[in-house]
N, C-alpha and C. Protein backbone atom coordinates (compact mmCIF):
# COMPACT_ATOMS: atom_id res chain seq x y z
N MET A 1 77.24 28.87 -56.28
CA MET A 1 77.21 27.72 -55.41
C MET A 1 76.69 28.08 -54.02
N LYS A 2 77.14 29.27 -53.52
CA LYS A 2 76.69 29.72 -52.21
C LYS A 2 75.18 29.95 -52.22
N LEU A 3 74.68 30.47 -53.33
CA LEU A 3 73.23 30.71 -53.44
C LEU A 3 72.47 29.39 -53.38
N LEU A 4 72.94 28.38 -54.07
CA LEU A 4 72.31 27.07 -54.06
C LEU A 4 72.30 26.48 -52.65
N ILE A 5 73.40 26.58 -51.96
CA ILE A 5 73.48 26.06 -50.59
C ILE A 5 72.51 26.83 -49.69
N SER A 6 72.44 28.13 -49.87
CA SER A 6 71.52 28.94 -49.07
C SER A 6 70.07 28.54 -49.32
N VAL A 7 69.72 28.32 -50.58
CA VAL A 7 68.36 27.92 -50.93
C VAL A 7 68.04 26.55 -50.32
N VAL A 8 68.97 25.63 -50.43
CA VAL A 8 68.77 24.29 -49.86
C VAL A 8 68.60 24.38 -48.35
N LEU A 9 69.41 25.19 -47.68
CA LEU A 9 69.29 25.34 -46.23
C LEU A 9 67.95 25.95 -45.82
N VAL A 10 67.50 26.94 -46.58
CA VAL A 10 66.20 27.55 -46.29
C VAL A 10 65.08 26.52 -46.47
N LEU A 11 65.15 25.76 -47.54
CA LEU A 11 64.13 24.73 -47.78
C LEU A 11 64.14 23.67 -46.68
N LEU A 12 65.32 23.25 -46.25
CA LEU A 12 65.42 22.28 -45.16
C LEU A 12 64.87 22.85 -43.86
N ALA A 13 65.16 24.13 -43.60
CA ALA A 13 64.64 24.77 -42.40
C ALA A 13 63.11 24.85 -42.44
N LEU A 14 62.56 25.17 -43.60
CA LEU A 14 61.10 25.21 -43.74
C LEU A 14 60.48 23.83 -43.55
N LEU A 15 61.12 22.83 -44.14
CA LEU A 15 60.63 21.46 -43.99
C LEU A 15 60.68 21.01 -42.54
N LEU A 16 61.79 21.28 -41.87
CA LEU A 16 61.92 20.92 -40.47
C LEU A 16 60.90 21.67 -39.62
N GLY A 17 60.72 22.94 -39.91
CA GLY A 17 59.72 23.74 -39.18
C GLY A 17 58.32 23.18 -39.36
N GLY A 18 58.00 22.79 -40.58
CA GLY A 18 56.69 22.19 -40.84
C GLY A 18 56.51 20.88 -40.12
N LEU A 19 57.54 20.06 -40.10
CA LEU A 19 57.47 18.79 -39.39
C LEU A 19 57.31 19.00 -37.89
N LEU A 20 58.03 19.97 -37.34
CA LEU A 20 57.91 20.27 -35.92
C LEU A 20 56.51 20.80 -35.58
N LEU A 21 55.96 21.63 -36.45
CA LEU A 21 54.61 22.15 -36.26
C LEU A 21 53.59 21.01 -36.29
N ALA A 22 53.72 20.11 -37.24
CA ALA A 22 52.80 18.97 -37.34
C ALA A 22 52.93 18.07 -36.11
N ALA A 23 54.15 17.79 -35.69
CA ALA A 23 54.35 16.96 -34.50
C ALA A 23 53.77 17.65 -33.27
N GLY A 24 53.96 18.95 -33.16
CA GLY A 24 53.40 19.70 -32.04
C GLY A 24 51.89 19.64 -32.02
N ALA A 25 51.27 19.77 -33.18
CA ALA A 25 49.81 19.71 -33.27
C ALA A 25 49.31 18.33 -32.88
N LEU A 26 49.99 17.29 -33.33
CA LEU A 26 49.58 15.93 -32.98
C LEU A 26 49.69 15.70 -31.47
N LEU A 27 50.71 16.24 -30.84
CA LEU A 27 50.87 16.10 -29.39
C LEU A 27 49.87 16.96 -28.63
N LEU A 28 49.64 18.17 -29.11
CA LEU A 28 48.70 19.11 -28.47
C LEU A 28 47.28 18.54 -28.43
N ASN A 29 46.94 17.74 -29.41
CA ASN A 29 45.58 17.20 -29.50
C ASN A 29 45.31 16.01 -28.59
N ARG A 30 46.31 15.56 -27.84
CA ARG A 30 46.12 14.51 -26.84
C ARG A 30 45.25 13.37 -27.36
N LEU A 31 45.74 12.69 -28.35
CA LEU A 31 44.99 11.64 -29.02
C LEU A 31 45.30 10.26 -28.44
N PRO A 32 44.36 9.33 -28.54
CA PRO A 32 44.56 7.99 -27.96
C PRO A 32 45.38 7.08 -28.86
N TRP A 33 46.66 7.35 -28.98
CA TRP A 33 47.54 6.62 -29.89
C TRP A 33 47.62 5.14 -29.60
N ASP A 34 47.46 4.75 -28.33
CA ASP A 34 47.64 3.36 -27.94
C ASP A 34 46.37 2.52 -28.09
N GLN A 35 45.30 3.13 -28.56
CA GLN A 35 44.04 2.43 -28.74
C GLN A 35 43.92 1.87 -30.16
N PRO A 36 43.02 0.88 -30.35
CA PRO A 36 42.80 0.37 -31.71
C PRO A 36 42.31 1.49 -32.62
N PRO A 37 42.67 1.50 -33.86
CA PRO A 37 43.31 0.46 -34.65
C PRO A 37 44.84 0.54 -34.66
N GLY A 38 45.44 1.31 -33.75
CA GLY A 38 46.89 1.41 -33.66
C GLY A 38 47.42 2.74 -34.16
N ALA A 39 48.64 3.04 -33.75
CA ALA A 39 49.24 4.34 -34.06
C ALA A 39 49.41 4.58 -35.57
N ALA A 40 49.82 3.56 -36.31
CA ALA A 40 50.05 3.75 -37.76
C ALA A 40 48.75 4.10 -38.48
N ALA A 41 47.68 3.38 -38.18
CA ALA A 41 46.39 3.66 -38.83
C ALA A 41 45.88 5.03 -38.42
N ARG A 42 46.09 5.38 -37.16
CA ARG A 42 45.66 6.70 -36.68
C ARG A 42 46.42 7.81 -37.39
N LEU A 43 47.72 7.64 -37.54
CA LEU A 43 48.53 8.67 -38.19
C LEU A 43 48.06 8.91 -39.62
N VAL A 44 47.75 7.84 -40.33
CA VAL A 44 47.25 7.97 -41.71
C VAL A 44 45.97 8.81 -41.73
N VAL A 45 45.06 8.56 -40.79
CA VAL A 45 43.80 9.31 -40.74
C VAL A 45 44.05 10.76 -40.34
N TYR A 46 44.83 10.97 -39.28
CA TYR A 46 45.05 12.33 -38.78
C TYR A 46 45.80 13.21 -39.77
N LEU A 47 46.62 12.59 -40.63
CA LEU A 47 47.35 13.37 -41.63
C LEU A 47 46.64 13.40 -42.99
N GLY A 48 45.54 12.65 -43.12
CA GLY A 48 44.87 12.59 -44.42
C GLY A 48 43.41 12.98 -44.40
N SER A 49 42.94 13.48 -43.27
CA SER A 49 41.53 13.84 -43.17
C SER A 49 41.40 15.15 -42.41
N ASN A 50 40.37 15.92 -42.73
CA ASN A 50 40.13 17.16 -42.00
C ASN A 50 38.78 17.14 -41.29
N SER A 51 38.31 15.93 -40.95
CA SER A 51 37.05 15.83 -40.22
C SER A 51 37.03 14.55 -39.39
N ALA A 52 36.09 14.53 -38.46
CA ALA A 52 35.86 13.34 -37.64
C ALA A 52 34.36 13.28 -37.36
N ALA A 53 33.82 12.07 -37.32
CA ALA A 53 32.39 11.91 -37.07
C ALA A 53 32.14 10.62 -36.32
N THR A 54 31.07 10.63 -35.54
CA THR A 54 30.67 9.39 -34.88
C THR A 54 30.09 8.44 -35.90
N ASP A 55 30.33 7.15 -35.66
CA ASP A 55 29.83 6.10 -36.54
C ASP A 55 29.80 4.82 -35.72
N PRO A 56 28.65 4.14 -35.63
CA PRO A 56 28.58 2.92 -34.84
C PRO A 56 29.59 1.85 -35.26
N ALA A 57 30.02 1.88 -36.51
CA ALA A 57 30.95 0.87 -37.01
C ALA A 57 32.39 1.39 -37.12
N SER A 58 32.69 2.51 -36.48
CA SER A 58 34.02 3.11 -36.59
C SER A 58 35.10 2.17 -36.07
N ASP A 59 36.24 2.16 -36.77
CA ASP A 59 37.42 1.43 -36.29
C ASP A 59 38.03 2.10 -35.07
N PHE A 60 37.66 3.36 -34.85
CA PHE A 60 38.15 4.14 -33.72
C PHE A 60 37.08 4.08 -32.62
N PRO A 61 37.31 3.30 -31.55
CA PRO A 61 36.28 3.12 -30.52
C PRO A 61 35.74 4.43 -29.95
N GLU A 62 36.60 5.42 -29.84
CA GLU A 62 36.16 6.70 -29.26
C GLU A 62 35.21 7.46 -30.17
N LEU A 63 35.09 7.04 -31.43
CA LEU A 63 34.18 7.71 -32.36
C LEU A 63 32.86 6.96 -32.55
N ARG A 64 32.62 5.94 -31.75
CA ARG A 64 31.31 5.30 -31.76
C ARG A 64 30.39 6.15 -30.89
N PRO A 65 29.15 6.38 -31.34
CA PRO A 65 28.27 7.29 -30.58
C PRO A 65 28.07 6.81 -29.14
N PRO A 66 28.35 7.68 -28.17
CA PRO A 66 28.10 7.27 -26.79
C PRO A 66 26.60 7.18 -26.51
N ARG A 67 26.24 6.21 -25.69
CA ARG A 67 24.85 6.00 -25.31
C ARG A 67 24.66 6.49 -23.89
N TYR A 68 23.55 7.18 -23.67
CA TYR A 68 23.23 7.73 -22.36
C TYR A 68 21.86 7.23 -21.93
N ASP A 69 21.72 6.95 -20.66
CA ASP A 69 20.44 6.48 -20.11
C ASP A 69 19.59 7.65 -19.64
N ILE A 70 19.41 8.61 -20.54
CA ILE A 70 18.55 9.77 -20.31
C ILE A 70 17.78 10.02 -21.60
N THR A 71 16.79 10.89 -21.54
CA THR A 71 15.99 11.18 -22.74
C THR A 71 16.82 11.98 -23.74
N PRO A 72 16.46 11.92 -25.01
CA PRO A 72 17.16 12.74 -26.01
C PRO A 72 17.09 14.24 -25.67
N GLU A 73 15.97 14.67 -25.10
CA GLU A 73 15.82 16.08 -24.74
C GLU A 73 16.82 16.47 -23.64
N ALA A 74 16.96 15.60 -22.64
CA ALA A 74 17.93 15.86 -21.57
C ALA A 74 19.36 15.81 -22.11
N LEU A 75 19.62 14.90 -23.03
CA LEU A 75 20.95 14.81 -23.63
C LEU A 75 21.24 16.06 -24.46
N HIS A 76 20.26 16.54 -25.19
CA HIS A 76 20.44 17.77 -25.97
C HIS A 76 20.76 18.94 -25.03
N ALA A 77 20.04 19.04 -23.92
CA ALA A 77 20.31 20.11 -22.96
C ALA A 77 21.73 19.98 -22.40
N ALA A 78 22.18 18.76 -22.15
CA ALA A 78 23.55 18.55 -21.66
C ALA A 78 24.56 18.95 -22.73
N ALA A 79 24.27 18.66 -23.99
CA ALA A 79 25.18 19.04 -25.08
C ALA A 79 25.28 20.56 -25.19
N VAL A 80 24.15 21.25 -25.03
CA VAL A 80 24.17 22.72 -25.06
C VAL A 80 25.05 23.24 -23.93
N GLN A 81 24.88 22.70 -22.73
CA GLN A 81 25.72 23.11 -21.60
C GLN A 81 27.20 22.81 -21.88
N ALA A 82 27.48 21.65 -22.46
CA ALA A 82 28.86 21.27 -22.75
C ALA A 82 29.50 22.25 -23.72
N VAL A 83 28.79 22.60 -24.78
CA VAL A 83 29.31 23.55 -25.76
C VAL A 83 29.60 24.89 -25.09
N GLU A 84 28.70 25.33 -24.23
CA GLU A 84 28.92 26.60 -23.53
C GLU A 84 30.13 26.53 -22.61
N ARG A 85 30.25 25.43 -21.86
CA ARG A 85 31.39 25.28 -20.93
C ARG A 85 32.72 25.17 -21.68
N LEU A 86 32.69 24.58 -22.86
CA LEU A 86 33.91 24.46 -23.65
C LEU A 86 34.30 25.78 -24.32
N GLY A 87 33.41 26.75 -24.30
CA GLY A 87 33.69 28.05 -24.89
C GLY A 87 33.53 28.09 -26.39
N TRP A 88 32.79 27.13 -26.93
CA TRP A 88 32.53 27.12 -28.36
C TRP A 88 31.39 28.09 -28.67
N GLU A 89 31.40 28.64 -29.86
CA GLU A 89 30.38 29.60 -30.28
C GLU A 89 29.21 28.87 -30.95
N VAL A 90 28.03 28.97 -30.36
CA VAL A 90 26.84 28.34 -30.94
C VAL A 90 26.47 29.09 -32.22
N SER A 91 26.36 28.36 -33.32
CA SER A 91 26.01 28.98 -34.60
C SER A 91 24.60 28.64 -35.06
N ALA A 92 24.03 27.56 -34.53
CA ALA A 92 22.64 27.19 -34.85
C ALA A 92 22.14 26.26 -33.76
N ARG A 93 20.83 26.35 -33.55
CA ARG A 93 20.23 25.52 -32.50
C ARG A 93 18.79 25.23 -32.90
N GLU A 94 18.45 23.95 -33.02
CA GLU A 94 17.09 23.53 -33.37
C GLU A 94 16.62 22.58 -32.28
N GLU A 95 15.85 23.13 -31.35
CA GLU A 95 15.39 22.35 -30.19
C GLU A 95 14.56 21.15 -30.63
N GLY A 96 13.62 21.35 -31.55
CA GLY A 96 12.74 20.26 -31.99
C GLY A 96 13.50 19.10 -32.60
N GLU A 97 14.57 19.40 -33.31
CA GLU A 97 15.40 18.37 -33.95
C GLU A 97 16.52 17.90 -33.03
N ARG A 98 16.64 18.55 -31.87
CA ARG A 98 17.73 18.27 -30.93
C ARG A 98 19.09 18.35 -31.63
N LEU A 99 19.24 19.44 -32.40
CA LEU A 99 20.42 19.68 -33.21
C LEU A 99 21.11 20.95 -32.73
N LEU A 100 22.42 20.89 -32.68
CA LEU A 100 23.21 22.03 -32.23
C LEU A 100 24.43 22.14 -33.14
N ALA A 101 24.72 23.34 -33.59
CA ALA A 101 25.92 23.58 -34.39
C ALA A 101 26.76 24.62 -33.67
N ALA A 102 28.07 24.45 -33.75
CA ALA A 102 28.97 25.38 -33.08
C ALA A 102 30.24 25.57 -33.90
N VAL A 103 30.93 26.66 -33.60
CA VAL A 103 32.22 26.96 -34.23
C VAL A 103 33.28 26.91 -33.14
N ILE A 104 34.37 26.24 -33.44
CA ILE A 104 35.48 26.10 -32.51
C ILE A 104 36.67 26.82 -33.13
N ILE A 105 37.35 27.65 -32.36
CA ILE A 105 38.56 28.31 -32.84
C ILE A 105 39.74 27.57 -32.22
N THR A 106 40.59 27.00 -33.07
CA THR A 106 41.70 26.20 -32.58
C THR A 106 42.72 27.09 -31.87
N PRO A 107 43.35 26.57 -30.81
CA PRO A 107 44.25 27.41 -30.02
C PRO A 107 45.56 27.77 -30.72
N LEU A 108 46.10 26.87 -31.51
CA LEU A 108 47.42 27.09 -32.07
C LEU A 108 47.42 28.09 -33.23
N LEU A 109 46.67 27.82 -34.26
CA LEU A 109 46.68 28.66 -35.45
C LEU A 109 45.38 29.43 -35.67
N ARG A 110 44.46 29.32 -34.71
CA ARG A 110 43.19 30.08 -34.74
C ARG A 110 42.31 29.72 -35.94
N PHE A 111 42.39 28.47 -36.41
CA PHE A 111 41.51 28.01 -37.47
C PHE A 111 40.10 27.85 -36.90
N ARG A 112 39.12 27.95 -37.77
CA ARG A 112 37.73 27.74 -37.37
C ARG A 112 37.28 26.36 -37.84
N ASP A 113 36.79 25.58 -36.90
CA ASP A 113 36.25 24.26 -37.19
C ASP A 113 34.76 24.27 -36.85
N ASP A 114 33.98 23.54 -37.63
CA ASP A 114 32.54 23.47 -37.41
C ASP A 114 32.17 22.11 -36.83
N VAL A 115 31.31 22.14 -35.83
CA VAL A 115 30.84 20.89 -35.23
C VAL A 115 29.31 20.90 -35.23
N GLU A 116 28.75 19.74 -35.56
CA GLU A 116 27.29 19.55 -35.52
C GLU A 116 27.01 18.39 -34.57
N ILE A 117 26.08 18.61 -33.66
CA ILE A 117 25.79 17.65 -32.60
C ILE A 117 24.30 17.35 -32.60
N ARG A 118 23.96 16.09 -32.46
CA ARG A 118 22.55 15.71 -32.44
C ARG A 118 22.33 14.66 -31.34
N ALA A 119 21.27 14.86 -30.57
CA ALA A 119 20.85 13.87 -29.57
C ALA A 119 19.72 13.06 -30.20
N GLU A 120 19.92 11.75 -30.28
CA GLU A 120 18.94 10.87 -30.95
C GLU A 120 18.44 9.81 -29.99
N ARG A 121 17.26 9.34 -30.24
CA ARG A 121 16.71 8.23 -29.48
C ARG A 121 17.47 6.96 -29.87
N GLY A 122 17.95 6.23 -28.88
CA GLY A 122 18.70 5.01 -29.15
C GLY A 122 17.79 3.86 -29.53
N PRO A 123 18.24 2.95 -30.40
CA PRO A 123 17.40 1.83 -30.83
C PRO A 123 17.07 0.86 -29.69
N ALA A 124 17.90 0.85 -28.65
CA ALA A 124 17.65 -0.06 -27.52
C ALA A 124 17.31 0.73 -26.27
N GLY A 125 16.74 1.92 -26.43
CA GLY A 125 16.41 2.79 -25.31
C GLY A 125 17.51 3.79 -25.06
N GLY A 126 17.21 4.74 -24.20
CA GLY A 126 18.18 5.79 -23.91
C GLY A 126 18.39 6.68 -25.12
N SER A 127 19.54 7.31 -25.15
CA SER A 127 19.85 8.26 -26.22
C SER A 127 21.27 8.08 -26.72
N LEU A 128 21.47 8.47 -27.96
CA LEU A 128 22.80 8.46 -28.58
C LEU A 128 23.19 9.90 -28.90
N LEU A 129 24.46 10.21 -28.71
CA LEU A 129 24.99 11.50 -29.09
C LEU A 129 25.81 11.31 -30.36
N THR A 130 25.35 11.89 -31.45
CA THR A 130 26.09 11.81 -32.70
C THR A 130 26.68 13.19 -32.99
N ALA A 131 27.84 13.19 -33.61
CA ALA A 131 28.51 14.47 -33.86
C ALA A 131 29.43 14.36 -35.06
N HIS A 132 29.65 15.51 -35.69
CA HIS A 132 30.57 15.62 -36.82
C HIS A 132 31.33 16.92 -36.65
N SER A 133 32.64 16.86 -36.76
CA SER A 133 33.48 18.05 -36.66
C SER A 133 34.35 18.12 -37.90
N ALA A 134 34.43 19.30 -38.51
CA ALA A 134 35.20 19.46 -39.75
C ALA A 134 35.94 20.79 -39.77
N SER A 135 37.14 20.75 -40.28
CA SER A 135 37.94 21.96 -40.46
C SER A 135 37.48 22.67 -41.72
N ARG A 136 37.50 23.98 -41.67
CA ARG A 136 37.10 24.77 -42.84
C ARG A 136 38.20 24.83 -43.89
N VAL A 137 39.43 24.75 -43.46
CA VAL A 137 40.56 24.83 -44.39
C VAL A 137 41.51 23.67 -44.15
N GLY A 138 42.25 23.33 -45.17
CA GLY A 138 43.28 22.30 -45.06
C GLY A 138 42.78 20.91 -45.39
N ARG A 139 43.74 20.03 -45.62
CA ARG A 139 43.43 18.64 -45.95
C ARG A 139 43.67 17.72 -44.77
N ALA A 140 44.43 18.18 -43.80
CA ALA A 140 44.74 17.37 -42.62
C ALA A 140 44.45 18.22 -41.39
N ASP A 141 43.87 17.59 -40.39
CA ASP A 141 43.57 18.33 -39.16
C ASP A 141 44.48 17.93 -37.99
N PHE A 142 45.38 16.97 -38.22
CA PHE A 142 46.31 16.49 -37.20
C PHE A 142 45.56 15.98 -35.97
N GLY A 143 44.33 15.49 -36.19
CA GLY A 143 43.53 14.94 -35.11
C GLY A 143 42.72 15.96 -34.34
N ALA A 144 42.72 17.22 -34.76
CA ALA A 144 42.01 18.26 -34.02
C ALA A 144 40.50 17.98 -33.94
N ASN A 145 39.91 17.50 -35.02
CA ASN A 145 38.47 17.25 -34.99
C ASN A 145 38.11 16.06 -34.10
N THR A 146 38.97 15.06 -34.07
CA THR A 146 38.77 13.97 -33.12
C THR A 146 38.85 14.51 -31.70
N ARG A 147 39.82 15.38 -31.44
CA ARG A 147 39.95 15.97 -30.11
C ARG A 147 38.71 16.78 -29.74
N HIS A 148 38.14 17.52 -30.70
CA HIS A 148 36.91 18.27 -30.40
C HIS A 148 35.82 17.32 -29.91
N LEU A 149 35.65 16.20 -30.61
CA LEU A 149 34.60 15.26 -30.22
C LEU A 149 34.91 14.63 -28.86
N LEU A 150 36.16 14.30 -28.61
CA LEU A 150 36.53 13.73 -27.31
C LEU A 150 36.27 14.73 -26.18
N ASP A 151 36.59 16.01 -26.41
CA ASP A 151 36.32 17.04 -25.41
C ASP A 151 34.82 17.18 -25.16
N LEU A 152 34.04 17.14 -26.25
CA LEU A 152 32.59 17.22 -26.12
C LEU A 152 32.06 16.05 -25.29
N PHE A 153 32.46 14.83 -25.64
CA PHE A 153 31.97 13.65 -24.91
C PHE A 153 32.37 13.70 -23.44
N ALA A 154 33.58 14.12 -23.16
CA ALA A 154 34.04 14.20 -21.77
C ALA A 154 33.22 15.22 -20.98
N MET A 155 32.91 16.35 -21.59
CA MET A 155 32.13 17.37 -20.90
C MET A 155 30.70 16.91 -20.70
N VAL A 156 30.10 16.28 -21.71
CA VAL A 156 28.74 15.75 -21.54
C VAL A 156 28.74 14.68 -20.45
N ASP A 157 29.75 13.82 -20.43
CA ASP A 157 29.86 12.80 -19.38
C ASP A 157 29.86 13.45 -18.00
N THR A 158 30.60 14.54 -17.84
CA THR A 158 30.66 15.24 -16.57
C THR A 158 29.29 15.81 -16.19
N ILE A 159 28.60 16.36 -17.16
CA ILE A 159 27.30 16.99 -16.90
C ILE A 159 26.24 15.96 -16.52
N VAL A 160 26.25 14.81 -17.18
CA VAL A 160 25.22 13.79 -16.91
C VAL A 160 25.75 12.68 -16.00
N ALA A 161 26.81 12.94 -15.27
CA ALA A 161 27.51 11.95 -14.43
C ALA A 161 26.58 10.90 -13.86
N GLY A 162 26.95 9.65 -14.11
CA GLY A 162 26.21 8.52 -13.56
C GLY A 162 25.06 8.03 -14.41
N ASN A 163 24.74 8.73 -15.48
CA ASN A 163 23.59 8.35 -16.31
C ASN A 163 24.00 7.96 -17.72
N HIS A 164 25.16 7.40 -17.87
CA HIS A 164 25.56 7.05 -19.24
C HIS A 164 26.33 5.74 -19.26
N ARG A 165 26.44 5.25 -20.45
CA ARG A 165 27.21 4.04 -20.72
C ARG A 165 27.91 4.27 -22.05
N ARG A 166 29.23 4.17 -22.12
CA ARG A 166 29.97 4.44 -23.34
C ARG A 166 29.73 3.35 -24.37
N GLY A 167 29.85 3.73 -25.62
CA GLY A 167 29.72 2.76 -26.72
C GLY A 167 28.39 2.88 -27.42
N ALA A 168 28.32 2.27 -28.56
CA ALA A 168 27.10 2.33 -29.37
C ALA A 168 26.18 1.16 -29.02
N ASP A 169 24.91 1.35 -29.33
CA ASP A 169 23.93 0.26 -29.16
C ASP A 169 24.20 -0.81 -30.16
């Protein structure tokens, strides 16, 4: 009987530890819980997906490609600077395609996530920044890939200050 109680206590401790780790990761990622489509929908995505990508029709407003009033070439150069300032490791760079790939090492568990960034000509002028971030392992990223994209957009915004307008065309 004592062995059974010990096993149950160990399992409960592991479960509680896992829940605390997941909650810590969700808080560490500083996600926009109060934005549409709401906290419940966000939780389902953050616990059920290991990637995030820009999409003009995204239910998550922060994942719609930001539009900038600069050339795609200037936006690509800003993205390169942003990746360097964020301390991400550049893994591929195609200037002609305005494509940049980088590896991000997560702070908590040191996982490696891959991000691909492209500066595109916008359909209504200016440029769009499209990006995709994906975890190499696991089924849930606890919002880490969304956070990578938000950090990227914030840094690009700082670099091109005054020459952008958020949202998709």
